[in-house]
């Protein structure tokens, strides 16, 4: 895991989304020039979904070999399949349905159902799916080429919230979350162990309401107070911000 973090600031949220989409497409193409498959972890939230929509509309997307791209999620709201608040639902509408990604390459976290009644059941199933695709990686997950993370005003990333017990999950790659301070209360999230296995972690944040959290996380606040401070890739960590979110730096 690298300690160095790079900060890139864009004028506004719209340009941030478009620039992040272009950056992601470029990164996928760069990786595909040397190896396959490419593993990308998607994020939800307003700017995350705008980024996915911008990617689907970018002409460069046609140059990607989508047969060689696998899509994962950093966290999910534990709701029924197709619920509009699920990150998967929003990502399919914004990007996935518009691209020729083979269905087996899309790896959503299991939704609430009779067969999956708890977040822990979903977490266990996802951990197994990650392990099946991990190859020789010791972390139990693929070496994600890019792991996208949004960040909340409280500096949470994925569904790892300040002071929450899920922050301390160890020996596992996915954890069930209960009592989330942000609805819905039940969620499923990658752990910091899984996040740290990513080659590159990109934290994407927009809006003045995020400025204090950005300053806190980049200023060295402990993970218990600002979970985003612990989101780091093994080779590169990027913070992609709009000017408002960077206002406290």
C-alpha atoms as a PDB file:
ATOM      1  CA  UNK A   1       0.000   0.000   0.000  1.00  0.00           C
ATOM      2  CA  UNK A   2       1.355   3.388  -0.983  1.00  0.00           C
ATOM      3  CA  UNK A   3       1.249   6.294   1.468  1.00  0.00           C
ATOM      4  CA  UNK A   4       1.445   8.968  -1.225  1.00  0.00           C
ATOM      5  CA  UNK A   5      -1.842  10.443  -2.414  1.00  0.00           C
ATOM      6  CA  UNK A   6      -2.337  12.603  -5.499  1.00  0.00           C
ATOM      7  CA  UNK A   7      -5.042  15.279  -5.621  1.00  0.00           C
ATOM      8  CA  UNK A   8      -6.626  16.476  -8.873  1.00  0.00           C
ATOM      9  CA  UNK A   9      -9.127  19.354  -8.743  1.00  0.00           C
ATOM     10  CA  UNK A  10     -11.689  20.127 -11.458  1.00  0.00           C
ATOM     11  CA  UNK A  11     -13.788  23.316 -11.653  1.00  0.00           C
ATOM     12  CA  UNK A  12     -17.193  21.748 -11.021  1.00  0.00           C
ATOM     13  CA  UNK A  13     -19.005  18.454 -10.480  1.00  0.00           C
ATOM     14  CA  UNK A  14     -20.020  18.024 -14.116  1.00  0.00           C
ATOM     15  CA  UNK A  15     -16.481  18.354 -15.391  1.00  0.00           C
ATOM     16  CA  UNK A  16     -15.254  16.127 -12.566  1.00  0.00           C
ATOM     17  CA  UNK A  17     -17.602  13.356 -13.701  1.00  0.00           C
ATOM     18  CA  UNK A  18     -16.619  13.654 -17.357  1.00  0.00           C
ATOM     19  CA  UNK A  19     -12.911  13.832 -16.589  1.00  0.00           C
ATOM     20  CA  UNK A  20     -13.090  10.842 -14.258  1.00  0.00           C
ATOM     21  CA  UNK A  21     -14.939   8.849 -16.915  1.00  0.00           C
ATOM     22  CA  UNK A  22     -12.264   9.727 -19.494  1.00  0.00           C
ATOM     23  CA  UNK A  23      -9.515   8.857 -17.024  1.00  0.00           C
ATOM     24  CA  UNK A  24     -11.129   5.496 -16.299  1.00  0.00           C
ATOM     25  CA  UNK A  25     -11.497   4.628 -19.975  1.00  0.00           C
ATOM     26  CA  UNK A  26      -7.858   5.520 -20.555  1.00  0.00           C
ATOM     27  CA  UNK A  27      -6.794   3.377 -17.618  1.00  0.00           C
ATOM     28  CA  UNK A  28      -8.802   0.392 -18.882  1.00  0.00           C
ATOM     29  CA  UNK A  29      -7.260   0.705 -22.339  1.00  0.00           C
ATOM     30  CA  UNK A  30      -3.765   1.020 -20.868  1.00  0.00           C
ATOM     31  CA  UNK A  31      -4.235  -2.131 -18.811  1.00  0.00           C
ATOM     32  CA  UNK A  32      -5.706  -4.027 -21.749  1.00  0.00           C
ATOM     33  CA  UNK A  33      -2.565  -3.296 -23.738  1.00  0.00           C
ATOM     34  CA  UNK A  34      -0.565  -5.477 -21.339  1.00  0.00           C
ATOM     35  CA  UNK A  35      -2.969  -7.915 -19.651  1.00  0.00           C
ATOM     36  CA  UNK A  36      -6.516  -9.187 -19.381  1.00  0.00           C
ATOM     37  CA  UNK A  37      -8.965  -9.265 -17.733  1.00  0.00           C
ATOM     38  CA  UNK A  38      -9.355  -5.805 -16.222  1.00  0.00           C
ATOM     39  CA  UNK A  39     -11.140  -5.584 -12.870  1.00  0.00           C
ATOM     40  CA  UNK A  40     -12.951  -2.340 -11.988  1.00  0.00           C
ATOM     41  CA  UNK A  41     -14.898  -1.609  -8.805  1.00  0.00           C
ATOM     42  CA  UNK A  42     -17.834   0.780  -9.255  1.00  0.00           C
ATOM     43  CA  UNK A  43     -19.272   3.231  -6.765  1.00  0.00           C
ATOM     44  CA  UNK A  44     -22.702   4.766  -6.325  1.00  0.00           C
ATOM     45  CA  UNK A  45     -23.749   8.205  -5.168  1.00  0.00           C
ATOM     46  CA  UNK A  46     -24.501  11.292  -7.204  1.00  0.00           C
ATOM     47  CA  UNK A  47     -21.056  11.962  -8.665  1.00  0.00           C
ATOM     48  CA  UNK A  48     -20.348   8.247  -9.048  1.00  0.00           C
ATOM     49  CA  UNK A  49     -23.475   7.678 -11.098  1.00  0.00           C
ATOM     50  CA  UNK A  50     -22.790  10.805 -13.170  1.00  0.00           C
ATOM     51  CA  UNK A  51     -19.332   9.434 -13.897  1.00  0.00           C
ATOM     52  CA  UNK A  52     -20.752   6.129 -15.115  1.00  0.00           C
ATOM     53  CA  UNK A  53     -23.245   7.931 -17.342  1.00  0.00           C
ATOM     54  CA  UNK A  54     -20.474  10.082 -18.789  1.00  0.00           C
ATOM     55  CA  UNK A  55     -18.398   6.975 -19.485  1.00  0.00           C
ATOM     56  CA  UNK A  56     -21.228   5.336 -21.419  1.00  0.00           C
ATOM     57  CA  UNK A  57     -21.572   8.472 -23.558  1.00  0.00           C
ATOM     58  CA  UNK A  58     -17.842   8.882 -24.237  1.00  0.00           C
ATOM     59  CA  UNK A  59     -16.884   7.790 -27.786  1.00  0.00           C
ATOM     60  CA  UNK A  60     -13.703   6.232 -26.394  1.00  0.00           C
ATOM     61  CA  UNK A  61     -15.838   3.525 -24.754  1.00  0.00           C
ATOM     62  CA  UNK A  62     -16.141   1.911 -28.196  1.00  0.00           C
ATOM     63  CA  UNK A  63     -12.383   1.212 -28.164  1.00  0.00           C
ATOM     64  CA  UNK A  64     -12.593  -0.927 -25.006  1.00  0.00           C
ATOM     65  CA  UNK A  65     -12.782  -4.720 -25.276  1.00  0.00           C
ATOM     66  CA  UNK A  66     -15.661  -5.087 -22.829  1.00  0.00           C
ATOM     67  CA  UNK A  67     -15.407  -8.879 -23.039  1.00  0.00           C
ATOM     68  CA  UNK A  68     -12.237  -8.456 -21.001  1.00  0.00           C
ATOM     69  CA  UNK A  69     -13.640  -6.136 -18.304  1.00  0.00           C
ATOM     70  CA  UNK A  70     -15.129  -7.339 -15.022  1.00  0.00           C
ATOM     71  CA  UNK A  71     -17.277  -4.964 -12.959  1.00  0.00           C
ATOM     72  CA  UNK A  72     -17.593  -5.176  -9.179  1.00  0.00           C
ATOM     73  CA  UNK A  73     -19.071  -2.991  -6.431  1.00  0.00           C
ATOM     74  CA  UNK A  74     -17.484  -1.488  -3.342  1.00  0.00           C
ATOM     75  CA  UNK A  75     -20.714  -1.550  -1.398  1.00  0.00           C
ATOM     76  CA  UNK A  76     -24.431  -2.047  -1.804  1.00  0.00           C
ATOM     77  CA  UNK A  77     -27.662  -1.156  -0.084  1.00  0.00           C
ATOM     78  CA  UNK A  78     -29.238  -4.383   1.103  1.00  0.00           C
ATOM     79  CA  UNK A  79     -32.518  -4.045  -0.741  1.00  0.00           C
ATOM     80  CA  UNK A  80     -34.549  -6.197  -3.115  1.00  0.00           C
ATOM     81  CA  UNK A  81     -33.324  -6.790  -6.649  1.00  0.00           C
ATOM     82  CA  UNK A  82     -34.230  -3.904  -8.931  1.00  0.00           C
ATOM     83  CA  UNK A  83     -34.835  -1.430  -6.113  1.00  0.00           C
ATOM     84  CA  UNK A  84     -34.035   2.041  -7.512  1.00  0.00           C
ATOM     85  CA  UNK A  85     -31.845   2.805  -4.499  1.00  0.00           C
ATOM     86  CA  UNK A  86     -29.481  -0.102  -5.156  1.00  0.00           C
ATOM     87  CA  UNK A  87     -26.121   0.927  -6.579  1.00  0.00           C
ATOM     88  CA  UNK A  88     -26.419  -1.919  -9.071  1.00  0.00           C
ATOM     89  CA  UNK A  89     -29.751  -0.621 -10.398  1.00  0.00           C
ATOM     90  CA  UNK A  90     -28.371   2.882 -10.835  1.00  0.00           C
ATOM     91  CA  UNK A  91     -25.189   1.621 -12.518  1.00  0.00           C
ATOM     92  CA  UNK A  92     -27.129  -0.524 -14.978  1.00  0.00           C
ATOM     93  CA  UNK A  93     -29.325   2.405 -15.951  1.00  0.00           C
ATOM     94  CA  UNK A  94     -26.418   4.862 -16.184  1.00  0.00           C
ATOM     95  CA  UNK A  95     -23.818   2.719 -17.931  1.00  0.00           C
ATOM     96  CA  UNK A  96     -23.919  -1.056 -18.000  1.00  0.00           C
ATOM     97  CA  UNK A  97     -27.061  -1.477 -20.110  1.00  0.00           C
ATOM     98  CA  UNK A  98     -25.547   0.813 -22.743  1.00  0.00           C
ATOM     99  CA  UNK A  99     -22.314  -1.147 -23.085  1.00  0.00           C
ATOM    100  CA  UNK A 100     -21.589  -4.638 -24.458  1.00  0.00           C
ATOM    101  CA  UNK A 101     -20.382  -6.032 -21.126  1.00  0.00           C
ATOM    102  CA  UNK A 102     -21.072  -9.795 -20.974  1.00  0.00           C
ATOM    103  CA  UNK A 103     -23.522 -10.651 -18.216  1.00  0.00           C
ATOM    104  CA  UNK A 104     -21.083 -13.045 -16.469  1.00  0.00           C
ATOM    105  CA  UNK A 105     -18.596 -10.153 -16.180  1.00  0.00           C
ATOM    106  CA  UNK A 106     -20.988  -8.099 -14.042  1.00  0.00           C
ATOM    107  CA  UNK A 107     -20.697  -9.039 -10.372  1.00  0.00           C
ATOM    108  CA  UNK A 108     -23.404  -7.387  -8.233  1.00  0.00           C
ATOM    109  CA  UNK A 109     -23.737  -8.053  -4.525  1.00  0.00           C
ATOM    110  CA  UNK A 110     -26.661 -10.363  -3.800  1.00  0.00           C
ATOM    111  CA  UNK A 111     -29.930  -8.535  -3.142  1.00  0.00           C
ATOM    112  CA  UNK A 112     -32.284  -9.178  -0.255  1.00  0.00           C
ATOM    113  CA  UNK A 113     -34.441 -12.236  -0.956  1.00  0.00           C
ATOM    114  CA  UNK A 114     -35.804 -15.350   0.722  1.00  0.00           C
ATOM    115  CA  UNK A 115     -32.567 -17.104  -0.149  1.00  0.00           C
ATOM    116  CA  UNK A 116     -30.427 -14.178   1.018  1.00  0.00           C
ATOM    117  CA  UNK A 117     -32.221 -12.892   4.134  1.00  0.00           C
ATOM    118  CA  UNK A 118     -29.360 -10.981   5.822  1.00  0.00           C
ATOM    119  CA  UNK A 119     -26.470  -8.704   4.843  1.00  0.00           C
ATOM    120  CA  UNK A 120     -24.111 -11.356   6.181  1.00  0.00           C
ATOM    121  CA  UNK A 121     -25.477 -13.889   3.686  1.00  0.00           C
ATOM    122  CA  UNK A 122     -24.841 -11.443   0.864  1.00  0.00           C
ATOM    123  CA  UNK A 123     -21.363 -10.648   2.200  1.00  0.00           C
ATOM    124  CA  UNK A 124     -20.433 -14.334   2.431  1.00  0.00           C
ATOM    125  CA  UNK A 125     -21.599 -14.989  -1.125  1.00  0.00           C
ATOM    126  CA  UNK A 126     -19.703 -11.984  -2.466  1.00  0.00           C
ATOM    127  CA  UNK A 127     -16.513 -12.929  -0.654  1.00  0.00           C
ATOM    128  CA  UNK A 128     -16.722 -16.368  -2.280  1.00  0.00           C
ATOM    129  CA  UNK A 129     -17.256 -14.849  -5.733  1.00  0.00           C
ATOM    130  CA  UNK A 130     -14.307 -12.517  -5.257  1.00  0.00           C
ATOM    131  CA  UNK A 131     -12.126 -15.429  -4.173  1.00  0.00           C
ATOM    132  CA  UNK A 132     -13.137 -17.440  -7.246  1.00  0.00           C
ATOM    133  CA  UNK A 133     -11.846 -14.612  -9.438  1.00  0.00           C
ATOM    134  CA  UNK A 134      -8.770 -13.822  -7.365  1.00  0.00           C
ATOM    135  CA  UNK A 135      -6.392 -16.190  -9.124  1.00  0.00           C
ATOM    136  CA  UNK A 136      -3.117 -16.267  -7.207  1.00  0.00           C
ATOM    137  CA  UNK A 137      -3.838 -13.086  -5.261  1.00  0.00           C
ATOM    138  CA  UNK A 138      -3.384 -13.750  -1.555  1.00  0.00           C
ATOM    139  CA  UNK A 139      -5.860 -11.077  -0.531  1.00  0.00           C
ATOM    140  CA  UNK A 140      -8.806 -13.211  -1.662  1.00  0.00           C
ATOM    141  CA  UNK A 141      -9.912 -10.639  -4.229  1.00  0.00           C
ATOM    142  CA  UNK A 142      -8.777  -9.818  -7.758  1.00  0.00           C
ATOM    143  CA  UNK A 143      -6.042  -7.189  -7.856  1.00  0.00           C
ATOM    144  CA  UNK A 144      -8.555  -4.507  -8.827  1.00  0.00           C
ATOM    145  CA  UNK A 145      -7.053  -2.264 -11.498  1.00  0.00           C
ATOM    146  CA  UNK A 146      -9.224   0.663 -10.394  1.00  0.00           C
ATOM    147  CA  UNK A 147     -11.422   0.839  -7.315  1.00  0.00           C
ATOM    148  CA  UNK A 148     -13.734   3.846  -7.353  1.00  0.00           C
ATOM    149  CA  UNK A 149     -15.010   5.240  -4.068  1.00  0.00           C
ATOM    150  CA  UNK A 150     -17.397   8.060  -3.358  1.00  0.00           C
ATOM    151  CA  UNK A 151     -17.166   9.849  -0.029  1.00  0.00           C
ATOM    152  CA  UNK A 152     -19.867  11.226   2.249  1.00  0.00           C
ATOM    153  CA  UNK A 153     -19.830  14.471   4.243  1.00  0.00           C
ATOM    154  CA  UNK A 154     -18.896  12.370   7.270  1.00  0.00           C
ATOM    155  CA  UNK A 155     -15.837  11.028   5.368  1.00  0.00           C
ATOM    156  CA  UNK A 156     -17.282   7.520   4.987  1.00  0.00           C
ATOM    157  CA  UNK A 157     -16.286   5.428   1.980  1.00  0.00           C
ATOM    158  CA  UNK A 158     -18.097   2.358   0.658  1.00  0.00           C
ATOM    159  CA  UNK A 159     -20.354   1.608   3.665  1.00  0.00           C
ATOM    160  CA  UNK A 160     -17.608   2.053   6.244  1.00  0.00           C
ATOM    161  CA  UNK A 161     -18.832   4.800   8.574  1.00  0.00           C
ATOM    162  CA  UNK A 162     -16.997   6.716  11.324  1.00  0.00           C
ATOM    163  CA  UNK A 163     -17.023   4.853  14.615  1.00  0.00           C
ATOM    164  CA  UNK A 164     -18.841   1.871  13.113  1.00  0.00           C
ATOM    165  CA  UNK A 165     -17.841  -1.697  13.961  1.00  0.00           C
ATOM    166  CA  UNK A 166     -17.488  -2.585  10.261  1.00  0.00           C
ATOM    167  CA  UNK A 167     -14.320  -0.457  10.218  1.00  0.00           C
ATOM    168  CA  UNK A 168     -12.615  -3.109  12.331  1.00  0.00           C
ATOM    169  CA  UNK A 169     -13.612  -6.118  10.222  1.00  0.00           C
ATOM    170  CA  UNK A 170     -10.540  -8.325   9.850  1.00  0.00           C
ATOM    171  CA  UNK A 171      -9.812 -11.592   8.097  1.00  0.00           C
ATOM    172  CA  UNK A 172     -12.595 -11.042   5.589  1.00  0.00           C
ATOM    173  CA  UNK A 173     -13.044  -9.133   2.335  1.00  0.00           C
ATOM    174  CA  UNK A 174     -16.755  -8.306   2.631  1.00  0.00           C
ATOM    175  CA  UNK A 175     -18.813  -7.382   5.670  1.00  0.00           C
ATOM    176  CA  UNK A 176     -22.496  -6.992   6.457  1.00  0.00           C
ATOM    177  CA  UNK A 177     -23.401  -3.584   7.863  1.00  0.00           C
ATOM    178  CA  UNK A 178     -26.214  -2.899  10.329  1.00  0.00           C
ATOM    179  CA  UNK A 179     -27.307   0.405  11.809  1.00  0.00           C
ATOM    180  CA  UNK A 180     -25.901   2.572   9.042  1.00  0.00           C
ATOM    181  CA  UNK A 181     -26.349   6.251   9.971  1.00  0.00           C
ATOM    182  CA  UNK A 182     -27.390   6.826   6.362  1.00  0.00           C
ATOM    183  CA  UNK A 183     -30.496   4.971   5.114  1.00  0.00           C
ATOM    184  CA  UNK A 184     -31.050   2.197   4.441  1.00  0.00           C
ATOM    185  CA  UNK A 185     -29.633   0.829   7.710  1.00  0.00           C
ATOM    186  CA  UNK A 186     -28.577  -2.529   6.248  1.00  0.00           C
ATOM    187  CA  UNK A 187     -25.765  -2.666   3.707  1.00  0.00           C
ATOM    188  CA  UNK A 188     -22.920  -4.789   2.386  1.00  0.00           C
ATOM    189  CA  UNK A 189     -19.402  -3.425   1.980  1.00  0.00           C
ATOM    190  CA  UNK A 190     -15.871  -4.324   0.997  1.00  0.00           C
ATOM    191  CA  UNK A 191     -13.527  -4.147   3.957  1.00  0.00           C
ATOM    192  CA  UNK A 192     -10.320  -2.155   4.143  1.00  0.00           C
ATOM    193  CA  UNK A 193      -8.417  -5.392   3.514  1.00  0.00           C
ATOM    194  CA  UNK A 194     -10.151  -5.752   0.144  1.00  0.00           C
ATOM    195  CA  UNK A 195      -9.756  -2.070  -0.702  1.00  0.00           C
ATOM    196  CA  UNK A 196      -6.020  -2.201   0.054  1.00  0.00           C
ATOM    197  CA  UNK A 197      -5.617  -5.012  -2.501  1.00  0.00           C
ATOM    198  CA  UNK A 198      -6.565  -2.657  -5.344  1.00  0.00           C
ATOM    199  CA  UNK A 199      -3.754  -1.468  -7.571  1.00  0.00           C
ATOM    200  CA  UNK A 200      -5.336   1.977  -7.780  1.00  0.00           C
ATOM    201  CA  UNK A 201      -7.921   3.575  -5.486  1.00  0.00           C
ATOM    202  CA  UNK A 202      -9.719   6.688  -6.706  1.00  0.00           C
ATOM    203  CA  UNK A 203     -11.735   8.711  -4.193  1.00  0.00           C
ATOM    204  CA  UNK A 204     -14.183  10.932  -6.085  1.00  0.00           C
ATOM    205  CA  UNK A 205     -15.948  13.746  -4.225  1.00  0.00           C
ATOM    206  CA  UNK A 206     -17.889  16.865  -5.182  1.00  0.00           C
ATOM    207  CA  UNK A 207     -19.671  19.622  -3.302  1.00  0.00           C
ATOM    208  CA  UNK A 208     -18.906  22.128  -0.563  1.00  0.00           C
ATOM    209  CA  UNK A 209     -20.560  19.837   1.999  1.00  0.00           C
ATOM    210  CA  UNK A 210     -17.624  17.441   1.490  1.00  0.00           C
ATOM    211  CA  UNK A 211     -14.888  20.056   2.005  1.00  0.00           C
ATOM    212  CA  UNK A 212     -14.355  19.446   5.733  1.00  0.00           C
ATOM    213  CA  UNK A 213     -14.304  15.680   5.236  1.00  0.00           C
ATOM    214  CA  UNK A 214     -11.765  15.970   2.397  1.00  0.00           C
ATOM    215  CA  UNK A 215      -9.522  18.193   4.522  1.00  0.00           C
ATOM    216  CA  UNK A 216      -9.828  15.846   7.481  1.00  0.00           C
ATOM    217  CA  UNK A 217      -9.073  12.673   5.528  1.00  0.00           C
ATOM    218  CA  UNK A 218      -6.136  14.169   3.644  1.00  0.00           C
ATOM    219  CA  UNK A 219      -4.919  15.894   6.799  1.00  0.00           C
ATOM    220  CA  UNK A 220      -4.220  12.631   8.577  1.00  0.00           C
ATOM    221  CA  UNK A 221      -7.328  12.104  10.687  1.00  0.00           C
ATOM    222  CA  UNK A 222      -7.609   8.557  12.073  1.00  0.00           C
ATOM    223  CA  UNK A 223      -9.695   6.032  10.165  1.00  0.00           C
ATOM    224  CA  UNK A 224     -12.156   5.822  13.051  1.00  0.00           C
ATOM    225  CA  UNK A 225     -13.001   9.500  12.513  1.00  0.00           C
ATOM    226  CA  UNK A 226     -12.474   9.798   8.752  1.00  0.00           C
ATOM    227  CA  UNK A 227     -12.636   6.355   7.113  1.00  0.00           C
ATOM    228  CA  UNK A 228     -11.616   7.847   3.749  1.00  0.00           C
ATOM    229  CA  UNK A 229      -8.133   8.408   5.159  1.00  0.00           C
ATOM    230  CA  UNK A 230      -7.634   4.636   5.100  1.00  0.00           C
ATOM    231  CA  UNK A 231      -8.633   4.172   1.453  1.00  0.00           C
ATOM    232  CA  UNK A 232      -5.354   3.592  -0.327  1.00  0.00           C
ATOM    233  CA  UNK A 233      -4.240   1.549  -3.322  1.00  0.00           C
ATOM    234  CA  UNK A 234      -1.218  -0.713  -3.477  1.00  0.00           C
ATOM    235  CA  UNK A 235       0.432   1.347  -6.223  1.00  0.00           C
ATOM    236  CA  UNK A 236      -1.534   4.596  -6.544  1.00  0.00           C
ATOM    237  CA  UNK A 237      -4.163   6.612  -4.682  1.00  0.00           C
ATOM    238  CA  UNK A 238      -5.983   9.470  -6.415  1.00  0.00           C
ATOM    239  CA  UNK A 239      -8.333  12.025  -4.935  1.00  0.00           C
ATOM    240  CA  UNK A 240     -10.470  13.466  -7.727  1.00  0.00           C
ATOM    241  CA  UNK A 241     -12.336  16.541  -6.524  1.00  0.00           C
ATOM    242  CA  UNK A 242     -14.310  19.501  -7.723  1.00  0.00           C
ATOM    243  CA  UNK A 243     -13.298  22.964  -6.550  1.00  0.00           C
ATOM    244  CA  UNK A 244     -15.998  23.089  -3.891  1.00  0.00           C
ATOM    245  CA  UNK A 245     -14.919  19.814  -2.278  1.00  0.00           C
ATOM    246  CA  UNK A 246     -11.315  20.977  -2.338  1.00  0.00           C
ATOM    247  CA  UNK A 247     -12.216  24.249  -0.627  1.00  0.00           C
ATOM    248  CA  UNK A 248     -10.743  23.231   2.715  1.00  0.00           C
ATOM    249  CA  UNK A 249      -7.333  22.221   1.387  1.00  0.00           C
END
